[in-house]
N, C-alpha and C. Protein backbone atom coordinates (compact mmCIF):
# COMPACT_ATOMS: atom_id res chain seq x y z
N MET A 1 95.00 152.35 76.03
CA MET A 1 94.64 151.13 75.32
C MET A 1 94.27 150.07 76.36
N LEU A 2 93.20 149.37 76.10
CA LEU A 2 92.74 148.32 77.01
C LEU A 2 93.39 146.98 76.67
N THR A 3 93.87 146.31 77.69
CA THR A 3 94.39 144.96 77.50
C THR A 3 93.22 143.98 77.49
N GLU A 4 93.49 142.75 77.10
CA GLU A 4 92.44 141.73 77.14
C GLU A 4 91.94 141.54 78.56
N LEU A 5 92.86 141.59 79.54
CA LEU A 5 92.45 141.46 80.94
C LEU A 5 91.56 142.62 81.35
N ASP A 6 91.90 143.84 80.92
CA ASP A 6 91.07 145.01 81.22
C ASP A 6 89.65 144.80 80.70
N LYS A 7 89.54 144.32 79.48
CA LYS A 7 88.23 144.09 78.87
C LYS A 7 87.43 143.05 79.65
N LYS A 8 88.11 142.00 80.09
CA LYS A 8 87.44 140.97 80.88
C LYS A 8 86.98 141.53 82.22
N ILE A 9 87.82 142.32 82.85
CA ILE A 9 87.47 142.92 84.14
C ILE A 9 86.27 143.85 83.98
N LEU A 10 86.29 144.70 82.93
CA LEU A 10 85.17 145.61 82.69
C LEU A 10 83.87 144.84 82.48
N ALA A 11 83.94 143.78 81.68
CA ALA A 11 82.74 142.98 81.42
C ALA A 11 82.22 142.36 82.72
N ALA A 12 83.13 141.86 83.54
CA ALA A 12 82.73 141.25 84.81
C ALA A 12 82.13 142.28 85.75
N LEU A 13 82.71 143.48 85.80
CA LEU A 13 82.18 144.52 86.68
C LEU A 13 80.85 145.07 86.18
N LYS A 14 80.64 145.08 84.87
CA LYS A 14 79.34 145.48 84.34
C LYS A 14 78.26 144.49 84.77
N GLN A 15 78.64 143.23 84.81
CA GLN A 15 77.70 142.18 85.20
C GLN A 15 77.46 142.21 86.71
N ASP A 16 78.53 142.43 87.49
CA ASP A 16 78.42 142.46 88.95
C ASP A 16 79.39 143.48 89.48
N GLY A 17 78.91 144.71 89.66
CA GLY A 17 79.75 145.80 90.13
C GLY A 17 80.26 145.62 91.55
N ARG A 18 79.73 144.64 92.27
CA ARG A 18 80.17 144.39 93.64
C ARG A 18 81.14 143.21 93.74
N ALA A 19 81.56 142.69 92.60
CA ALA A 19 82.49 141.56 92.61
C ALA A 19 83.78 141.96 93.35
N SER A 20 84.26 141.07 94.17
CA SER A 20 85.49 141.36 94.93
C SER A 20 86.71 141.18 94.06
N TRP A 21 87.80 141.84 94.45
CA TRP A 21 89.05 141.69 93.72
C TRP A 21 89.47 140.22 93.76
N ALA A 22 89.29 139.58 94.90
CA ALA A 22 89.70 138.17 95.05
C ALA A 22 88.91 137.26 94.10
N SER A 23 87.58 137.49 93.99
CA SER A 23 86.79 136.64 93.10
C SER A 23 87.17 136.86 91.64
N LEU A 24 87.46 138.11 91.28
CA LEU A 24 87.91 138.39 89.91
C LEU A 24 89.28 137.78 89.65
N ALA A 25 90.15 137.84 90.64
CA ALA A 25 91.48 137.24 90.50
C ALA A 25 91.38 135.74 90.25
N ARG A 26 90.53 135.06 91.02
CA ARG A 26 90.34 133.61 90.81
C ARG A 26 89.77 133.36 89.42
N ARG A 27 88.80 134.15 89.03
CA ARG A 27 88.12 133.96 87.75
C ARG A 27 89.08 134.09 86.57
N PHE A 28 90.03 135.05 86.67
CA PHE A 28 90.94 135.30 85.55
C PHE A 28 92.36 134.77 85.78
N SER A 29 92.53 134.01 86.85
CA SER A 29 93.82 133.36 87.15
C SER A 29 94.98 134.35 87.26
N VAL A 30 94.73 135.44 87.97
CA VAL A 30 95.78 136.41 88.26
C VAL A 30 95.70 136.76 89.75
N SER A 31 96.62 137.55 90.23
CA SER A 31 96.60 137.91 91.65
C SER A 31 95.57 139.00 91.93
N ARG A 32 95.15 139.08 93.19
CA ARG A 32 94.22 140.13 93.62
C ARG A 32 94.84 141.50 93.38
N VAL A 33 96.14 141.63 93.61
CA VAL A 33 96.83 142.91 93.42
C VAL A 33 96.80 143.30 91.94
N THR A 34 96.93 142.34 91.05
CA THR A 34 96.85 142.63 89.61
C THR A 34 95.49 143.21 89.26
N ILE A 35 94.42 142.60 89.77
CA ILE A 35 93.07 143.11 89.52
C ILE A 35 92.95 144.52 90.07
N GLN A 36 93.38 144.69 91.30
CA GLN A 36 93.29 146.00 91.95
C GLN A 36 94.06 147.06 91.14
N ASN A 37 95.25 146.72 90.69
CA ASN A 37 96.06 147.66 89.90
C ASN A 37 95.42 147.98 88.55
N ARG A 38 94.86 146.97 87.88
CA ARG A 38 94.22 147.20 86.57
C ARG A 38 93.00 148.10 86.73
N VAL A 39 92.18 147.85 87.76
CA VAL A 39 91.00 148.68 87.99
C VAL A 39 91.42 150.11 88.34
N GLU A 40 92.43 150.26 89.19
CA GLU A 40 92.90 151.60 89.54
C GLU A 40 93.43 152.32 88.31
N SER A 41 94.16 151.61 87.46
CA SER A 41 94.67 152.21 86.22
C SER A 41 93.52 152.69 85.34
N MET A 42 92.47 151.88 85.21
CA MET A 42 91.31 152.28 84.39
C MET A 42 90.57 153.44 85.04
N ARG A 43 90.55 153.49 86.37
CA ARG A 43 89.91 154.60 87.06
C ARG A 43 90.68 155.90 86.82
N VAL A 44 92.00 155.84 86.92
CA VAL A 44 92.85 157.02 86.70
C VAL A 44 92.72 157.53 85.26
N ARG A 45 92.61 156.59 84.31
CA ARG A 45 92.46 156.96 82.90
C ARG A 45 91.02 157.32 82.55
N LYS A 46 90.14 157.30 83.55
CA LYS A 46 88.73 157.66 83.41
C LYS A 46 87.96 156.70 82.51
N ILE A 47 88.46 155.48 82.37
CA ILE A 47 87.71 154.43 81.69
C ILE A 47 86.60 153.98 82.64
N ILE A 48 86.95 153.87 83.92
CA ILE A 48 85.96 153.64 84.96
C ILE A 48 85.82 154.97 85.69
N ARG A 49 84.62 155.56 85.64
CA ARG A 49 84.40 156.87 86.24
C ARG A 49 83.62 156.81 87.54
N GLY A 50 83.17 155.65 87.90
CA GLY A 50 82.43 155.54 89.14
C GLY A 50 81.63 154.27 89.17
N TYR A 51 80.99 154.08 90.26
CA TYR A 51 80.15 152.90 90.45
C TYR A 51 78.76 153.39 90.77
N THR A 52 77.77 152.72 90.25
CA THR A 52 76.41 153.18 90.44
C THR A 52 75.47 152.00 90.62
N VAL A 53 74.30 152.29 91.11
CA VAL A 53 73.25 151.29 91.21
C VAL A 53 72.29 151.54 90.06
N ILE A 54 71.96 150.51 89.34
CA ILE A 54 70.97 150.62 88.28
C ILE A 54 69.77 149.80 88.75
N ALA A 55 68.73 150.50 89.12
CA ALA A 55 67.55 149.84 89.65
C ALA A 55 66.70 149.28 88.52
N ASP A 56 66.17 148.11 88.73
CA ASP A 56 65.27 147.49 87.77
C ASP A 56 63.94 148.22 87.79
N PRO A 57 63.49 148.80 86.67
CA PRO A 57 62.24 149.57 86.67
C PRO A 57 61.04 148.80 87.18
N ASP A 58 60.93 147.51 86.83
CA ASP A 58 59.79 146.73 87.30
C ASP A 58 59.83 146.55 88.81
N SER A 59 61.03 146.38 89.37
CA SER A 59 61.15 146.27 90.82
C SER A 59 60.80 147.59 91.48
N MET A 60 61.19 148.70 90.86
CA MET A 60 60.87 150.01 91.43
C MET A 60 59.37 150.23 91.45
N ARG A 61 58.67 149.73 90.44
CA ARG A 61 57.21 149.90 90.41
C ARG A 61 56.60 149.21 91.63
N THR A 62 57.08 148.02 91.96
CA THR A 62 56.54 147.31 93.11
C THR A 62 57.01 147.93 94.41
N ALA A 63 58.03 148.77 94.35
CA ALA A 63 58.52 149.44 95.56
C ALA A 63 57.87 150.80 95.71
N ALA A 64 56.69 150.98 95.17
CA ALA A 64 55.85 152.18 95.34
C ALA A 64 56.19 153.31 94.38
N PHE A 65 57.07 153.12 93.41
CA PHE A 65 57.32 154.15 92.41
C PHE A 65 56.38 153.88 91.25
N GLY A 66 55.12 154.24 91.40
CA GLY A 66 54.10 153.87 90.45
C GLY A 66 53.92 154.79 89.27
N GLU A 67 54.34 156.04 89.38
CA GLU A 67 54.16 157.01 88.30
C GLU A 67 55.47 157.17 87.54
N LYS A 68 55.37 157.24 86.22
CA LYS A 68 56.55 157.43 85.38
C LYS A 68 56.27 158.59 84.44
N ALA A 69 57.29 159.42 84.17
CA ALA A 69 57.09 160.55 83.27
C ALA A 69 58.41 160.93 82.59
N PHE A 70 58.27 161.55 81.43
CA PHE A 70 59.40 162.16 80.75
C PHE A 70 59.40 163.64 81.10
N LEU A 71 60.56 164.16 81.44
CA LEU A 71 60.74 165.59 81.63
C LEU A 71 61.52 166.10 80.44
N LEU A 72 61.01 167.13 79.77
CA LEU A 72 61.72 167.77 78.67
C LEU A 72 62.15 169.14 79.15
N VAL A 73 63.43 169.44 78.98
CA VAL A 73 64.00 170.64 79.58
C VAL A 73 64.72 171.47 78.53
N ARG A 74 64.47 172.77 78.56
CA ARG A 74 65.25 173.74 77.78
C ARG A 74 65.90 174.64 78.82
N PHE A 75 67.22 174.71 78.78
CA PHE A 75 67.97 175.48 79.76
C PHE A 75 68.04 176.95 79.37
N ALA A 76 68.05 177.80 80.37
CA ALA A 76 68.33 179.22 80.17
C ALA A 76 69.85 179.36 80.05
N PRO A 77 70.33 180.47 79.49
CA PRO A 77 71.78 180.66 79.39
C PRO A 77 72.44 180.49 80.76
N GLY A 78 73.56 179.78 80.76
CA GLY A 78 74.30 179.56 81.99
C GLY A 78 74.00 178.23 82.67
N ALA A 79 73.01 177.50 82.19
CA ALA A 79 72.66 176.21 82.78
C ALA A 79 73.05 175.10 81.80
N SER A 80 73.19 173.88 82.33
CA SER A 80 73.60 172.78 81.46
C SER A 80 73.01 171.45 81.94
N VAL A 81 73.07 170.46 81.05
CA VAL A 81 72.61 169.12 81.38
C VAL A 81 73.41 168.55 82.54
N PHE A 82 74.68 168.93 82.67
CA PHE A 82 75.51 168.41 83.74
C PHE A 82 75.00 168.87 85.10
N GLN A 83 74.50 170.09 85.18
CA GLN A 83 73.90 170.57 86.43
C GLN A 83 72.67 169.74 86.78
N LEU A 84 71.86 169.45 85.76
CA LEU A 84 70.66 168.67 86.01
C LEU A 84 71.02 167.24 86.41
N GLN A 85 72.00 166.65 85.75
CA GLN A 85 72.44 165.30 86.11
C GLN A 85 72.89 165.26 87.56
N LYS A 86 73.66 166.25 87.97
CA LYS A 86 74.13 166.29 89.36
C LYS A 86 72.97 166.46 90.33
N LEU A 87 72.05 167.34 90.01
CA LEU A 87 70.89 167.58 90.87
C LEU A 87 70.03 166.32 91.01
N LEU A 88 69.84 165.61 89.90
CA LEU A 88 68.99 164.43 89.92
C LEU A 88 69.69 163.17 90.41
N SER A 89 71.01 163.22 90.56
CA SER A 89 71.75 162.02 90.96
C SER A 89 71.33 161.48 92.32
N VAL A 90 70.75 162.31 93.16
CA VAL A 90 70.31 161.85 94.48
C VAL A 90 68.85 161.43 94.49
N TRP A 91 68.14 161.61 93.39
CA TRP A 91 66.73 161.27 93.31
C TRP A 91 66.63 159.78 92.97
N PRO A 92 66.03 158.95 93.82
CA PRO A 92 66.04 157.50 93.59
C PRO A 92 65.23 157.05 92.39
N GLY A 93 64.31 157.85 91.90
CA GLY A 93 63.46 157.44 90.80
C GLY A 93 63.94 157.84 89.43
N VAL A 94 65.15 158.37 89.30
CA VAL A 94 65.65 158.78 88.00
C VAL A 94 66.12 157.55 87.22
N LEU A 95 65.50 157.31 86.07
CA LEU A 95 65.86 156.17 85.24
C LEU A 95 66.86 156.55 84.16
N GLY A 96 66.98 157.85 83.86
CA GLY A 96 67.95 158.28 82.87
C GLY A 96 67.85 159.77 82.63
N VAL A 97 68.99 160.36 82.27
CA VAL A 97 69.06 161.78 81.91
C VAL A 97 69.93 161.86 80.67
N TRP A 98 69.41 162.49 79.61
CA TRP A 98 70.14 162.56 78.35
C TRP A 98 70.15 163.98 77.82
N GLY A 99 71.30 164.41 77.33
CA GLY A 99 71.39 165.65 76.58
C GLY A 99 70.96 165.34 75.16
N VAL A 100 70.11 166.18 74.58
CA VAL A 100 69.59 165.92 73.24
C VAL A 100 69.71 167.18 72.38
N THR A 101 69.45 167.04 71.09
CA THR A 101 69.46 168.20 70.20
C THR A 101 68.04 168.49 69.76
N GLY A 102 67.85 169.66 69.19
CA GLY A 102 66.53 170.03 68.71
C GLY A 102 65.89 171.07 69.61
N LYS A 103 64.58 171.01 69.74
CA LYS A 103 63.82 171.98 70.52
C LYS A 103 64.19 171.92 72.00
N TRP A 104 64.58 170.75 72.49
CA TRP A 104 64.89 170.55 73.91
C TRP A 104 66.38 170.33 74.09
N ASP A 105 66.87 170.64 75.28
CA ASP A 105 68.28 170.43 75.61
C ASP A 105 68.50 169.12 76.34
N CYS A 106 67.45 168.66 77.01
CA CYS A 106 67.62 167.51 77.88
C CYS A 106 66.31 166.74 77.99
N LEU A 107 66.44 165.44 78.18
CA LEU A 107 65.30 164.56 78.38
C LEU A 107 65.63 163.69 79.59
N ALA A 108 64.70 163.59 80.53
CA ALA A 108 64.89 162.74 81.71
C ALA A 108 63.69 161.83 81.84
N LEU A 109 63.93 160.62 82.26
CA LEU A 109 62.86 159.67 82.53
C LEU A 109 62.89 159.41 84.03
N ILE A 110 61.77 159.66 84.69
CA ILE A 110 61.73 159.53 86.14
C ILE A 110 60.53 158.69 86.58
N ARG A 111 60.66 158.15 87.77
CA ARG A 111 59.56 157.48 88.46
C ARG A 111 59.36 158.21 89.78
N ALA A 112 58.12 158.26 90.21
CA ALA A 112 57.80 158.89 91.49
C ALA A 112 56.67 158.11 92.14
N VAL A 113 56.54 158.31 93.43
CA VAL A 113 55.48 157.65 94.18
C VAL A 113 54.12 158.18 93.74
N SER A 114 54.07 159.47 93.43
CA SER A 114 52.80 160.11 93.09
C SER A 114 53.04 161.26 92.13
N LEU A 115 51.97 161.76 91.54
CA LEU A 115 52.07 162.95 90.69
C LEU A 115 52.49 164.15 91.54
N GLN A 116 52.07 164.19 92.79
CA GLN A 116 52.48 165.26 93.70
C GLN A 116 54.00 165.26 93.88
N GLN A 117 54.58 164.08 94.04
CA GLN A 117 56.03 164.00 94.18
C GLN A 117 56.72 164.47 92.90
N MET A 118 56.15 164.17 91.73
CA MET A 118 56.71 164.67 90.47
C MET A 118 56.65 166.19 90.43
N ALA A 119 55.53 166.74 90.87
CA ALA A 119 55.39 168.20 90.90
C ALA A 119 56.43 168.81 91.83
N GLU A 120 56.71 168.17 92.94
CA GLU A 120 57.74 168.66 93.87
C GLU A 120 59.12 168.60 93.23
N LEU A 121 59.39 167.54 92.48
CA LEU A 121 60.68 167.44 91.78
C LEU A 121 60.80 168.55 90.75
N ARG A 122 59.75 168.79 89.99
CA ARG A 122 59.77 169.88 89.00
C ARG A 122 60.10 171.20 89.68
N GLU A 123 59.42 171.48 90.78
CA GLU A 123 59.65 172.73 91.51
C GLU A 123 61.09 172.82 92.01
N HIS A 124 61.61 171.71 92.49
CA HIS A 124 62.99 171.66 92.97
C HIS A 124 63.97 171.98 91.83
N ILE A 125 63.73 171.40 90.65
CA ILE A 125 64.59 171.66 89.49
C ILE A 125 64.56 173.13 89.12
N VAL A 126 63.37 173.70 89.01
CA VAL A 126 63.21 175.09 88.60
C VAL A 126 63.85 176.05 89.61
N ASN A 127 63.81 175.69 90.89
CA ASN A 127 64.41 176.54 91.92
C ASN A 127 65.93 176.45 91.97
N LYS A 128 66.51 175.37 91.43
CA LYS A 128 67.95 175.15 91.53
C LYS A 128 68.73 175.43 90.25
N ILE A 129 68.06 175.33 89.10
CA ILE A 129 68.75 175.46 87.80
C ILE A 129 67.99 176.47 86.95
N LYS A 130 68.73 177.23 86.15
CA LYS A 130 68.11 178.19 85.25
C LYS A 130 67.45 177.44 84.10
N ILE A 131 66.12 177.41 84.12
CA ILE A 131 65.34 176.69 83.12
C ILE A 131 64.48 177.70 82.35
N SER A 132 64.50 177.61 81.02
CA SER A 132 63.60 178.49 80.26
C SER A 132 62.26 177.79 79.99
N ARG A 133 62.27 176.45 79.95
CA ARG A 133 61.02 175.71 79.75
C ARG A 133 61.20 174.28 80.27
N LEU A 134 60.17 173.80 80.94
CA LEU A 134 60.16 172.43 81.47
C LEU A 134 58.77 171.86 81.26
N GLU A 135 58.70 170.76 80.53
CA GLU A 135 57.41 170.10 80.31
C GLU A 135 57.49 168.68 80.85
N THR A 136 56.37 168.21 81.38
CA THR A 136 56.29 166.87 81.94
C THR A 136 55.26 166.08 81.16
N TYR A 137 55.62 164.88 80.74
CA TYR A 137 54.72 164.00 80.01
C TYR A 137 54.58 162.69 80.78
N PRO A 138 53.51 162.56 81.58
CA PRO A 138 53.30 161.30 82.29
C PRO A 138 53.14 160.14 81.29
N VAL A 139 53.70 159.00 81.62
CA VAL A 139 53.60 157.82 80.78
C VAL A 139 52.28 157.11 81.12
N LEU A 140 51.44 156.92 80.12
CA LEU A 140 50.15 156.27 80.33
C LEU A 140 50.25 154.76 80.13
N ASP A 141 50.97 154.35 79.10
CA ASP A 141 51.15 152.93 78.80
C ASP A 141 52.61 152.69 78.47
N ASP A 142 53.11 151.52 78.84
CA ASP A 142 54.50 151.16 78.61
C ASP A 142 54.53 149.97 77.66
N PHE A 143 54.94 150.22 76.40
CA PHE A 143 54.96 149.18 75.39
C PHE A 143 56.35 148.60 75.15
N ALA A 144 57.36 149.10 75.84
CA ALA A 144 58.74 148.70 75.60
C ALA A 144 58.95 147.18 75.60
N PRO A 145 58.29 146.41 76.47
CA PRO A 145 58.56 144.97 76.47
C PRO A 145 58.21 144.25 75.17
N VAL A 146 57.37 144.83 74.32
CA VAL A 146 56.99 144.14 73.09
C VAL A 146 58.02 144.34 71.98
N PHE A 147 59.00 145.20 72.15
CA PHE A 147 59.98 145.46 71.12
C PHE A 147 61.27 144.71 71.40
N HIS A 148 61.79 144.06 70.37
CA HIS A 148 63.04 143.31 70.49
C HIS A 148 63.87 143.60 69.25
N GLY A 149 65.01 144.26 69.43
CA GLY A 149 65.89 144.53 68.31
C GLY A 149 65.28 145.40 67.24
N GLY A 150 64.39 146.31 67.62
CA GLY A 150 63.79 147.22 66.66
C GLY A 150 62.60 146.65 65.92
N GLU A 151 62.23 145.39 66.21
CA GLU A 151 61.09 144.79 65.55
C GLU A 151 60.01 144.50 66.58
N VAL A 152 58.78 144.55 66.14
CA VAL A 152 57.68 144.23 67.03
C VAL A 152 57.72 142.73 67.32
N HIS A 153 57.57 142.39 68.59
CA HIS A 153 57.58 140.99 69.00
C HIS A 153 56.42 140.26 68.33
N PRO A 154 56.64 139.05 67.78
CA PRO A 154 55.58 138.35 67.04
C PRO A 154 54.30 138.15 67.83
N SER A 155 54.39 137.97 69.13
CA SER A 155 53.17 137.71 69.91
C SER A 155 52.28 138.94 70.01
N SER A 156 52.82 140.15 69.69
CA SER A 156 52.01 141.35 69.79
C SER A 156 51.56 141.87 68.43
N ALA A 157 52.08 141.29 67.35
CA ALA A 157 51.71 141.74 66.01
C ALA A 157 50.55 140.92 65.47
N ASP A 158 49.60 141.57 64.85
CA ASP A 158 48.47 140.86 64.25
C ASP A 158 48.55 140.90 62.75
C-alpha cells in the first residue's frame, strides 16, 4: 500500500528522475533518510523497477534520428516480447515496445538515422530472436500533434 508520502515521491520522481534525496526531503519536509528509505521500500516492492531516460522525439529528430518506423513482430515458439524489449533496450532510437493481441505479438516504434540503420536493426533482431514474421512500416507523416484528448484540434479541423 502506498502512503501519501510515497505518492508524492513517485510524482516528483516522474517529473524529475534525477531529483536528489535532499531536494525531495526539503520539498516534503522530511529527512533525507526518510526519502531514501521510502524509495528503497518501493524499489524492493517493485513499485519502482528502475530508472530510465525518456528522450523527447522532437529533440531526437534534430539529433539526426530522422527516420521513424513501426516494427510489427510475430514471434516463433520460444520467443517473447520480453526478449525483444531486452534486445532493444540498448538501442537509442526505441520510442516504445508493446506486447499486443491479434495477428501480431509485438509492436515497436523506432527512430533511426537512416533506412539502412533500420535495416541493420531488423537484421540484428532476426539474428538474435526467433521471429516468424517481421514487418516494417516507415512513418511518412506524423499527425499526433493535432490530436488532444481523442478529439481533433480545432485549428486542424475544417
